[in-house]
Amino acid sequence: MKKITLLLTHLMTGLAGFAAGIYFLPILIAPKGPSEQQLASVMQDNVIFKGEFSRNRQDSDHFHWGEGKLVVTDGKIAFQGKLAPGPDYRLYLADTFIETEKAFMAEKADMLHVGYINSFDGFILDGPQYSDLSRFNTAIVWCETFGEFITSARLVSPDS
């Protein structure tokens, strides 16, 4: 009985350590986000759309959230704010507003994958080489590894 208990406790400890490693590794190795100057430069450069990521999305929770300002220019997409740390974040553009995992999965085939997000304190991505950005009205941050919705932003014209 002692051997089984010892085996189970060691197994549980190993699994807990592995899970903690999966969670904390991206945080530990994440590159520093862009500087305030870099973000400010893009945030003022020929803005086509703007939006705001919010913690208050239906499927956002304590571990999966983002908040801050997003802009889409003719060559870049920039985010100034914070994202909950996690692995394998990606930015997508959609033509319908998305705020749940179920809605994301239903629409994923029609979305435009923009790029990989490697920092949690802002990012600047190269804009998609896509001619008709006007068909998109939502930006979504998605965790590909775990299939988790992080946050979304409704995209509107900069004059709104």
N, C-alpha and C. Protein backbone atom coordinates (compact mmCIF):
# COMPACT_ATOMS: atom_id res chain seq x y z
N MET A 1 0.82 -1.20 0.00
CA MET A 1 0.00 0.00 0.00
C MET A 1 0.87 1.27 0.00
N LYS A 2 1.97 1.24 0.75
CA LYS A 2 2.85 2.40 0.81
C LYS A 2 3.49 2.67 -0.55
N LYS A 3 3.82 1.60 -1.28
CA LYS A 3 4.43 1.78 -2.60
C LYS A 3 3.44 2.42 -3.58
N ILE A 4 2.19 2.00 -3.50
CA ILE A 4 1.17 2.58 -4.38
C ILE A 4 0.96 4.05 -4.05
N THR A 5 0.87 4.37 -2.77
CA THR A 5 0.71 5.77 -2.34
C THR A 5 1.90 6.60 -2.79
N LEU A 6 3.09 6.07 -2.59
CA LEU A 6 4.31 6.77 -3.00
C LEU A 6 4.32 6.98 -4.51
N LEU A 7 3.96 5.96 -5.26
CA LEU A 7 3.92 6.07 -6.72
C LEU A 7 2.90 7.12 -7.15
N LEU A 8 1.71 7.09 -6.57
CA LEU A 8 0.66 8.05 -6.93
C LEU A 8 1.05 9.48 -6.59
N THR A 9 1.64 9.70 -5.43
CA THR A 9 2.02 11.06 -5.04
C THR A 9 3.12 11.59 -5.96
N HIS A 10 4.07 10.74 -6.32
CA HIS A 10 5.14 11.17 -7.22
C HIS A 10 4.59 11.43 -8.63
N LEU A 11 3.67 10.60 -9.06
CA LEU A 11 3.05 10.78 -10.36
C LEU A 11 2.26 12.09 -10.41
N MET A 12 1.50 12.36 -9.38
CA MET A 12 0.72 13.60 -9.31
C MET A 12 1.63 14.82 -9.25
N THR A 13 2.72 14.72 -8.50
CA THR A 13 3.67 15.83 -8.42
C THR A 13 4.32 16.07 -9.78
N GLY A 14 4.68 15.00 -10.47
CA GLY A 14 5.27 15.13 -11.80
C GLY A 14 4.30 15.76 -12.79
N LEU A 15 3.04 15.34 -12.75
CA LEU A 15 2.04 15.92 -13.64
C LEU A 15 1.79 17.39 -13.32
N ALA A 16 1.76 17.73 -12.04
CA ALA A 16 1.57 19.14 -11.65
C ALA A 16 2.75 19.98 -12.13
N GLY A 17 3.96 19.46 -12.00
CA GLY A 17 5.14 20.17 -12.48
C GLY A 17 5.12 20.36 -13.99
N PHE A 18 4.70 19.33 -14.69
CA PHE A 18 4.60 19.41 -16.15
C PHE A 18 3.58 20.46 -16.56
N ALA A 19 2.41 20.45 -15.92
CA ALA A 19 1.36 21.44 -16.22
C ALA A 19 1.85 22.85 -15.92
N ALA A 20 2.54 23.02 -14.80
CA ALA A 20 3.07 24.34 -14.44
C ALA A 20 4.11 24.78 -15.48
N GLY A 21 4.90 23.85 -15.96
CA GLY A 21 5.90 24.17 -16.99
C GLY A 21 5.25 24.64 -18.28
N ILE A 22 4.18 23.97 -18.68
CA ILE A 22 3.46 24.38 -19.89
C ILE A 22 2.92 25.79 -19.74
N TYR A 23 2.42 26.10 -18.54
CA TYR A 23 1.86 27.44 -18.32
C TYR A 23 2.95 28.50 -18.22
N PHE A 24 4.00 28.23 -17.43
CA PHE A 24 4.99 29.27 -17.15
C PHE A 24 6.09 29.41 -18.21
N LEU A 25 6.35 28.39 -19.00
CA LEU A 25 7.42 28.48 -20.00
C LEU A 25 7.22 29.65 -20.97
N PRO A 26 6.02 29.81 -21.55
CA PRO A 26 5.86 30.97 -22.45
C PRO A 26 6.08 32.31 -21.75
N ILE A 27 5.75 32.39 -20.49
CA ILE A 27 5.95 33.62 -19.74
C ILE A 27 7.44 33.88 -19.56
N LEU A 28 8.17 32.83 -19.24
CA LEU A 28 9.60 32.97 -18.97
C LEU A 28 10.41 33.28 -20.22
N ILE A 29 10.00 32.75 -21.36
CA ILE A 29 10.78 32.94 -22.58
C ILE A 29 10.19 33.99 -23.52
N ALA A 30 9.08 34.62 -23.13
CA ALA A 30 8.44 35.61 -24.00
C ALA A 30 9.37 36.80 -24.23
N PRO A 31 9.47 37.21 -25.47
CA PRO A 31 10.28 38.41 -25.74
C PRO A 31 9.58 39.64 -25.20
N LYS A 32 10.36 40.66 -24.96
CA LYS A 32 9.79 41.92 -24.49
C LYS A 32 8.95 42.51 -25.62
N GLY A 33 7.82 43.09 -25.26
CA GLY A 33 6.95 43.71 -26.26
C GLY A 33 7.59 44.95 -26.86
N PRO A 34 6.96 45.53 -27.86
CA PRO A 34 7.50 46.73 -28.49
C PRO A 34 7.52 47.91 -27.52
N SER A 35 8.42 48.84 -27.77
CA SER A 35 8.53 50.02 -26.91
C SER A 35 7.31 50.93 -27.11
N GLU A 36 7.11 51.82 -26.18
CA GLU A 36 6.02 52.80 -26.29
C GLU A 36 6.18 53.64 -27.56
N GLN A 37 7.42 53.98 -27.90
CA GLN A 37 7.68 54.77 -29.11
C GLN A 37 7.30 54.00 -30.37
N GLN A 38 7.66 52.71 -30.42
CA GLN A 38 7.31 51.89 -31.57
C GLN A 38 5.80 51.78 -31.72
N LEU A 39 5.12 51.51 -30.59
CA LEU A 39 3.67 51.40 -30.63
C LEU A 39 3.03 52.72 -31.05
N ALA A 40 3.48 53.82 -30.46
CA ALA A 40 2.90 55.13 -30.78
C ALA A 40 3.07 55.45 -32.26
N SER A 41 4.21 55.09 -32.82
CA SER A 41 4.47 55.35 -34.23
C SER A 41 3.45 54.63 -35.12
N VAL A 42 3.20 53.35 -34.83
CA VAL A 42 2.25 52.58 -35.64
C VAL A 42 0.82 53.02 -35.36
N MET A 43 0.51 53.34 -34.10
CA MET A 43 -0.86 53.68 -33.71
C MET A 43 -1.34 54.98 -34.37
N GLN A 44 -0.42 55.77 -34.92
CA GLN A 44 -0.80 57.03 -35.56
C GLN A 44 -0.60 56.99 -37.07
N ASP A 45 -0.22 55.87 -37.62
CA ASP A 45 0.20 55.79 -39.02
C ASP A 45 -0.90 55.23 -39.92
N ASN A 46 -1.63 56.08 -40.63
CA ASN A 46 -2.65 55.65 -41.60
C ASN A 46 -3.57 54.57 -41.06
N VAL A 47 -4.22 54.83 -39.96
CA VAL A 47 -5.10 53.85 -39.31
C VAL A 47 -6.33 53.61 -40.18
N ILE A 48 -6.57 52.33 -40.49
CA ILE A 48 -7.74 51.93 -41.27
C ILE A 48 -8.88 51.55 -40.32
N PHE A 49 -8.53 50.78 -39.28
CA PHE A 49 -9.50 50.35 -38.27
C PHE A 49 -8.89 50.51 -36.89
N LYS A 50 -9.75 50.64 -35.92
CA LYS A 50 -9.32 50.60 -34.52
C LYS A 50 -10.30 49.71 -33.77
N GLY A 51 -9.86 49.22 -32.62
CA GLY A 51 -10.72 48.38 -31.80
C GLY A 51 -10.16 48.30 -30.40
N GLU A 52 -10.91 47.66 -29.53
CA GLU A 52 -10.48 47.53 -28.15
C GLU A 52 -10.73 46.12 -27.65
N PHE A 53 -9.65 45.46 -27.22
CA PHE A 53 -9.79 44.16 -26.57
C PHE A 53 -10.31 44.40 -25.16
N SER A 54 -11.19 43.50 -24.71
CA SER A 54 -11.81 43.67 -23.40
C SER A 54 -11.81 42.35 -22.64
N ARG A 55 -11.70 42.45 -21.32
CA ARG A 55 -11.82 41.28 -20.45
C ARG A 55 -13.26 40.79 -20.37
N ASN A 56 -14.19 41.60 -20.81
CA ASN A 56 -15.61 41.30 -20.62
C ASN A 56 -16.24 40.50 -21.74
N ARG A 57 -15.47 39.79 -22.51
CA ARG A 57 -16.04 38.94 -23.55
C ARG A 57 -16.63 37.69 -22.90
N GLN A 58 -17.61 37.10 -23.57
CA GLN A 58 -18.36 35.98 -22.99
C GLN A 58 -17.46 34.83 -22.54
N ASP A 59 -16.49 34.43 -23.36
CA ASP A 59 -15.62 33.30 -22.99
C ASP A 59 -14.28 33.72 -22.41
N SER A 60 -14.06 35.00 -22.17
CA SER A 60 -12.85 35.42 -21.46
C SER A 60 -13.05 35.10 -19.98
N ASP A 61 -11.97 34.74 -19.30
CA ASP A 61 -12.06 34.44 -17.87
C ASP A 61 -10.77 34.87 -17.19
N HIS A 62 -10.56 34.40 -15.96
CA HIS A 62 -9.40 34.82 -15.16
C HIS A 62 -8.06 34.46 -15.83
N PHE A 63 -8.03 33.37 -16.59
CA PHE A 63 -6.79 32.92 -17.22
C PHE A 63 -6.69 33.29 -18.70
N HIS A 64 -7.80 33.69 -19.30
CA HIS A 64 -7.85 33.96 -20.74
C HIS A 64 -8.50 35.31 -20.97
N TRP A 65 -7.68 36.34 -21.13
CA TRP A 65 -8.21 37.70 -21.28
C TRP A 65 -7.21 38.59 -21.99
N GLY A 66 -7.69 39.69 -22.44
CA GLY A 66 -6.85 40.73 -23.01
C GLY A 66 -7.57 42.05 -22.87
N GLU A 67 -6.80 43.13 -22.72
CA GLU A 67 -7.41 44.45 -22.67
C GLU A 67 -6.43 45.47 -23.22
N GLY A 68 -6.96 46.38 -24.03
CA GLY A 68 -6.13 47.42 -24.61
C GLY A 68 -6.61 47.80 -26.00
N LYS A 69 -5.85 48.67 -26.64
CA LYS A 69 -6.23 49.23 -27.94
C LYS A 69 -5.51 48.53 -29.08
N LEU A 70 -6.24 48.33 -30.15
CA LEU A 70 -5.71 47.68 -31.35
C LEU A 70 -5.95 48.61 -32.54
N VAL A 71 -4.96 48.71 -33.41
CA VAL A 71 -5.15 49.45 -34.67
C VAL A 71 -4.67 48.60 -35.84
N VAL A 72 -5.35 48.77 -36.95
CA VAL A 72 -4.97 48.14 -38.21
C VAL A 72 -4.61 49.27 -39.15
N THR A 73 -3.37 49.23 -39.66
CA THR A 73 -2.94 50.22 -40.64
C THR A 73 -2.81 49.52 -41.98
N ASP A 74 -2.33 50.23 -42.98
CA ASP A 74 -2.19 49.58 -44.29
C ASP A 74 -1.03 48.60 -44.34
N GLY A 75 -0.19 48.55 -43.31
CA GLY A 75 0.92 47.60 -43.32
C GLY A 75 1.18 46.88 -42.02
N LYS A 76 0.55 47.32 -40.93
CA LYS A 76 0.82 46.74 -39.61
C LYS A 76 -0.47 46.60 -38.81
N ILE A 77 -0.43 45.72 -37.82
CA ILE A 77 -1.47 45.64 -36.80
C ILE A 77 -0.75 45.77 -35.47
N ALA A 78 -1.18 46.74 -34.67
CA ALA A 78 -0.51 47.02 -33.40
C ALA A 78 -1.50 46.94 -32.26
N PHE A 79 -1.03 46.41 -31.14
CA PHE A 79 -1.83 46.30 -29.92
C PHE A 79 -1.06 46.92 -28.77
N GLN A 80 -1.71 47.82 -28.06
CA GLN A 80 -1.12 48.46 -26.89
C GLN A 80 -2.00 48.08 -25.71
N GLY A 81 -1.48 47.21 -24.84
CA GLY A 81 -2.24 46.74 -23.70
C GLY A 81 -1.61 45.49 -23.12
N LYS A 82 -2.44 44.65 -22.51
CA LYS A 82 -1.97 43.43 -21.85
C LYS A 82 -2.81 42.24 -22.29
N LEU A 83 -2.14 41.09 -22.40
CA LEU A 83 -2.79 39.81 -22.63
C LEU A 83 -2.42 38.87 -21.49
N ALA A 84 -3.35 38.02 -21.09
CA ALA A 84 -3.02 36.98 -20.11
C ALA A 84 -1.94 36.11 -20.73
N PRO A 85 -0.90 35.76 -19.98
CA PRO A 85 0.17 34.93 -20.55
C PRO A 85 -0.34 33.54 -20.93
N GLY A 86 0.21 33.01 -21.99
CA GLY A 86 -0.14 31.67 -22.42
C GLY A 86 0.65 31.29 -23.66
N PRO A 87 0.57 30.03 -24.06
CA PRO A 87 1.34 29.57 -25.21
C PRO A 87 0.57 29.72 -26.52
N ASP A 88 1.29 29.90 -27.59
CA ASP A 88 0.75 29.74 -28.94
C ASP A 88 -0.43 30.65 -29.26
N TYR A 89 -0.32 31.93 -28.91
CA TYR A 89 -1.38 32.88 -29.24
C TYR A 89 -1.27 33.28 -30.70
N ARG A 90 -2.44 33.44 -31.32
CA ARG A 90 -2.49 33.85 -32.72
C ARG A 90 -3.56 34.92 -32.90
N LEU A 91 -3.36 35.77 -33.88
CA LEU A 91 -4.33 36.81 -34.19
C LEU A 91 -5.06 36.44 -35.47
N TYR A 92 -6.38 36.52 -35.41
CA TYR A 92 -7.24 36.25 -36.56
C TYR A 92 -8.12 37.46 -36.83
N LEU A 93 -8.54 37.63 -38.07
CA LEU A 93 -9.55 38.61 -38.44
C LEU A 93 -10.77 37.85 -38.94
N ALA A 94 -11.95 38.33 -38.54
CA ALA A 94 -13.20 37.67 -38.93
C ALA A 94 -14.19 38.70 -39.44
N ASP A 95 -15.18 38.21 -40.20
CA ASP A 95 -16.20 39.12 -40.71
C ASP A 95 -17.47 39.12 -39.87
N THR A 96 -17.47 38.37 -38.77
CA THR A 96 -18.57 38.40 -37.80
C THR A 96 -17.97 38.55 -36.41
N PHE A 97 -18.71 39.20 -35.52
CA PHE A 97 -18.20 39.40 -34.17
C PHE A 97 -18.16 38.06 -33.44
N ILE A 98 -17.03 37.76 -32.82
CA ILE A 98 -16.79 36.49 -32.13
C ILE A 98 -16.43 36.78 -30.69
N GLU A 99 -17.07 36.08 -29.74
CA GLU A 99 -16.65 36.19 -28.35
C GLU A 99 -16.78 34.88 -27.59
N THR A 100 -16.90 33.76 -28.33
CA THR A 100 -16.94 32.45 -27.69
C THR A 100 -16.08 31.46 -28.48
N GLU A 101 -15.65 30.40 -27.81
CA GLU A 101 -14.89 29.35 -28.48
C GLU A 101 -15.74 28.66 -29.54
N LYS A 102 -17.00 28.42 -29.20
CA LYS A 102 -17.90 27.74 -30.13
C LYS A 102 -18.06 28.55 -31.43
N ALA A 103 -18.28 29.85 -31.30
CA ALA A 103 -18.42 30.71 -32.48
C ALA A 103 -17.11 30.77 -33.27
N PHE A 104 -15.98 30.80 -32.56
CA PHE A 104 -14.68 30.83 -33.23
C PHE A 104 -14.51 29.58 -34.08
N MET A 105 -14.77 28.41 -33.49
CA MET A 105 -14.59 27.16 -34.22
C MET A 105 -15.53 27.08 -35.43
N ALA A 106 -16.74 27.60 -35.28
CA ALA A 106 -17.70 27.57 -36.39
C ALA A 106 -17.26 28.46 -37.55
N GLU A 107 -16.56 29.54 -37.26
CA GLU A 107 -16.17 30.51 -38.29
C GLU A 107 -14.70 30.42 -38.71
N LYS A 108 -13.91 29.60 -38.04
CA LYS A 108 -12.45 29.59 -38.24
C LYS A 108 -12.04 29.42 -39.70
N ALA A 109 -12.73 28.57 -40.43
CA ALA A 109 -12.36 28.31 -41.83
C ALA A 109 -12.47 29.57 -42.69
N ASP A 110 -13.32 30.50 -42.30
CA ASP A 110 -13.51 31.73 -43.07
C ASP A 110 -12.69 32.90 -42.55
N MET A 111 -11.91 32.69 -41.50
CA MET A 111 -11.12 33.77 -40.91
C MET A 111 -9.77 33.89 -41.59
N LEU A 112 -9.16 35.05 -41.37
CA LEU A 112 -7.82 35.29 -41.89
C LEU A 112 -6.83 35.21 -40.72
N HIS A 113 -5.91 34.25 -40.80
CA HIS A 113 -4.86 34.14 -39.78
C HIS A 113 -3.81 35.20 -40.10
N VAL A 114 -3.61 36.14 -39.15
CA VAL A 114 -2.69 37.25 -39.38
C VAL A 114 -1.28 36.89 -38.96
N GLY A 115 -1.13 36.28 -37.77
CA GLY A 115 0.21 35.96 -37.30
C GLY A 115 0.25 35.47 -35.88
N TYR A 116 1.47 35.20 -35.43
CA TYR A 116 1.73 34.67 -34.09
C TYR A 116 2.02 35.82 -33.13
N ILE A 117 1.45 35.73 -31.95
CA ILE A 117 1.67 36.75 -30.91
C ILE A 117 2.65 36.17 -29.91
N ASN A 118 3.79 36.82 -29.74
CA ASN A 118 4.84 36.29 -28.87
C ASN A 118 5.05 37.08 -27.59
N SER A 119 4.39 38.21 -27.44
CA SER A 119 4.57 39.00 -26.22
C SER A 119 3.20 39.31 -25.63
N PHE A 120 3.17 39.56 -24.35
CA PHE A 120 1.91 39.75 -23.65
C PHE A 120 1.69 41.19 -23.23
N ASP A 121 2.63 42.06 -23.56
CA ASP A 121 2.50 43.48 -23.19
C ASP A 121 2.55 44.35 -24.44
N GLY A 122 1.76 43.98 -25.41
CA GLY A 122 1.68 44.70 -26.67
C GLY A 122 2.38 43.94 -27.78
N PHE A 123 1.97 44.21 -29.01
CA PHE A 123 2.62 43.57 -30.16
C PHE A 123 2.43 44.43 -31.40
N ILE A 124 3.31 44.21 -32.34
CA ILE A 124 3.19 44.78 -33.68
C ILE A 124 3.41 43.64 -34.66
N LEU A 125 2.42 43.38 -35.49
CA LEU A 125 2.51 42.33 -36.50
C LEU A 125 2.45 42.97 -37.88
N ASP A 126 3.10 42.32 -38.84
CA ASP A 126 2.95 42.76 -40.22
C ASP A 126 1.50 42.53 -40.62
N GLY A 127 0.93 43.50 -41.31
CA GLY A 127 -0.45 43.37 -41.76
C GLY A 127 -0.57 42.28 -42.80
N PRO A 128 -1.76 41.75 -42.94
CA PRO A 128 -1.96 40.69 -43.94
C PRO A 128 -1.82 41.24 -45.35
N GLN A 129 -1.28 40.44 -46.22
CA GLN A 129 -1.16 40.81 -47.63
C GLN A 129 -2.49 40.48 -48.29
N TYR A 130 -3.48 41.21 -47.91
CA TYR A 130 -4.86 40.95 -48.33
C TYR A 130 -5.46 42.25 -48.80
N SER A 131 -6.05 42.27 -49.95
CA SER A 131 -6.48 43.54 -50.54
C SER A 131 -7.75 44.12 -49.94
N ASP A 132 -8.66 43.30 -49.41
CA ASP A 132 -9.94 43.83 -48.95
C ASP A 132 -10.12 43.66 -47.45
N LEU A 133 -9.41 44.46 -46.68
CA LEU A 133 -9.55 44.40 -45.22
C LEU A 133 -10.92 44.89 -44.77
N SER A 134 -11.63 45.59 -45.63
CA SER A 134 -12.92 46.15 -45.24
C SER A 134 -13.97 45.07 -44.95
N ARG A 135 -13.73 43.85 -45.38
CA ARG A 135 -14.72 42.80 -45.11
C ARG A 135 -14.63 42.27 -43.68
N PHE A 136 -13.58 42.63 -42.96
CA PHE A 136 -13.41 42.15 -41.59
C PHE A 136 -13.88 43.20 -40.59
N ASN A 137 -14.54 42.72 -39.52
CA ASN A 137 -14.99 43.65 -38.49
C ASN A 137 -14.58 43.22 -37.08
N THR A 138 -13.80 42.16 -36.97
CA THR A 138 -13.40 41.65 -35.66
C THR A 138 -11.98 41.11 -35.70
N ALA A 139 -11.22 41.41 -34.64
CA ALA A 139 -9.90 40.82 -34.42
C ALA A 139 -10.01 39.90 -33.21
N ILE A 140 -9.45 38.71 -33.30
CA ILE A 140 -9.55 37.72 -32.23
C ILE A 140 -8.17 37.22 -31.85
N VAL A 141 -7.92 37.12 -30.54
CA VAL A 141 -6.72 36.46 -30.04
C VAL A 141 -7.16 35.08 -29.59
N TRP A 142 -6.47 34.06 -30.09
CA TRP A 142 -6.84 32.66 -29.88
C TRP A 142 -5.61 31.87 -29.46
N CYS A 143 -5.77 30.97 -28.50
CA CYS A 143 -4.69 30.07 -28.09
C CYS A 143 -4.86 28.77 -28.86
N GLU A 144 -4.00 28.55 -29.83
CA GLU A 144 -4.12 27.40 -30.72
C GLU A 144 -3.87 26.08 -29.99
N THR A 145 -2.89 26.04 -29.10
CA THR A 145 -2.53 24.80 -28.41
C THR A 145 -3.70 24.22 -27.62
N PHE A 146 -4.39 25.07 -26.88
CA PHE A 146 -5.46 24.59 -26.00
C PHE A 146 -6.85 24.90 -26.53
N GLY A 147 -6.95 25.50 -27.70
CA GLY A 147 -8.26 25.82 -28.26
C GLY A 147 -9.05 26.76 -27.36
N GLU A 148 -8.39 27.80 -26.87
CA GLU A 148 -9.02 28.73 -25.93
C GLU A 148 -9.20 30.11 -26.55
N PHE A 149 -10.39 30.65 -26.39
CA PHE A 149 -10.66 32.03 -26.77
C PHE A 149 -10.02 32.93 -25.72
N ILE A 150 -9.29 33.94 -26.15
CA ILE A 150 -8.65 34.88 -25.23
C ILE A 150 -9.45 36.17 -25.18
N THR A 151 -9.59 36.85 -26.29
CA THR A 151 -10.36 38.09 -26.34
C THR A 151 -10.64 38.46 -27.79
N SER A 152 -11.47 39.48 -27.97
CA SER A 152 -11.74 39.97 -29.32
C SER A 152 -11.99 41.48 -29.27
N ALA A 153 -11.89 42.09 -30.44
CA ALA A 153 -12.13 43.52 -30.58
C ALA A 153 -12.98 43.77 -31.81
N ARG A 154 -14.01 44.57 -31.65
CA ARG A 154 -14.81 45.01 -32.79
C ARG A 154 -14.01 46.08 -33.53
N LEU A 155 -13.82 45.91 -34.82
CA LEU A 155 -13.05 46.87 -35.61
C LEU A 155 -13.99 47.92 -36.20
N VAL A 156 -13.64 49.18 -35.98
CA VAL A 156 -14.44 50.28 -36.50
C VAL A 156 -13.51 51.28 -37.18
N SER A 157 -14.08 52.18 -37.95
CA SER A 157 -13.25 53.19 -38.60
C SER A 157 -12.66 54.12 -37.54
N PRO A 158 -11.51 54.71 -37.81
CA PRO A 158 -10.85 55.55 -36.80
C PRO A 158 -11.66 56.80 -36.45
N ASP A 159 -12.62 57.16 -37.28
CA ASP A 159 -13.44 58.34 -37.01
C ASP A 159 -14.59 58.04 -36.05
N SER A 160 -14.83 56.77 -35.78
CA SER A 160 -15.96 56.38 -34.90
C SER A 160 -15.68 56.65 -33.45
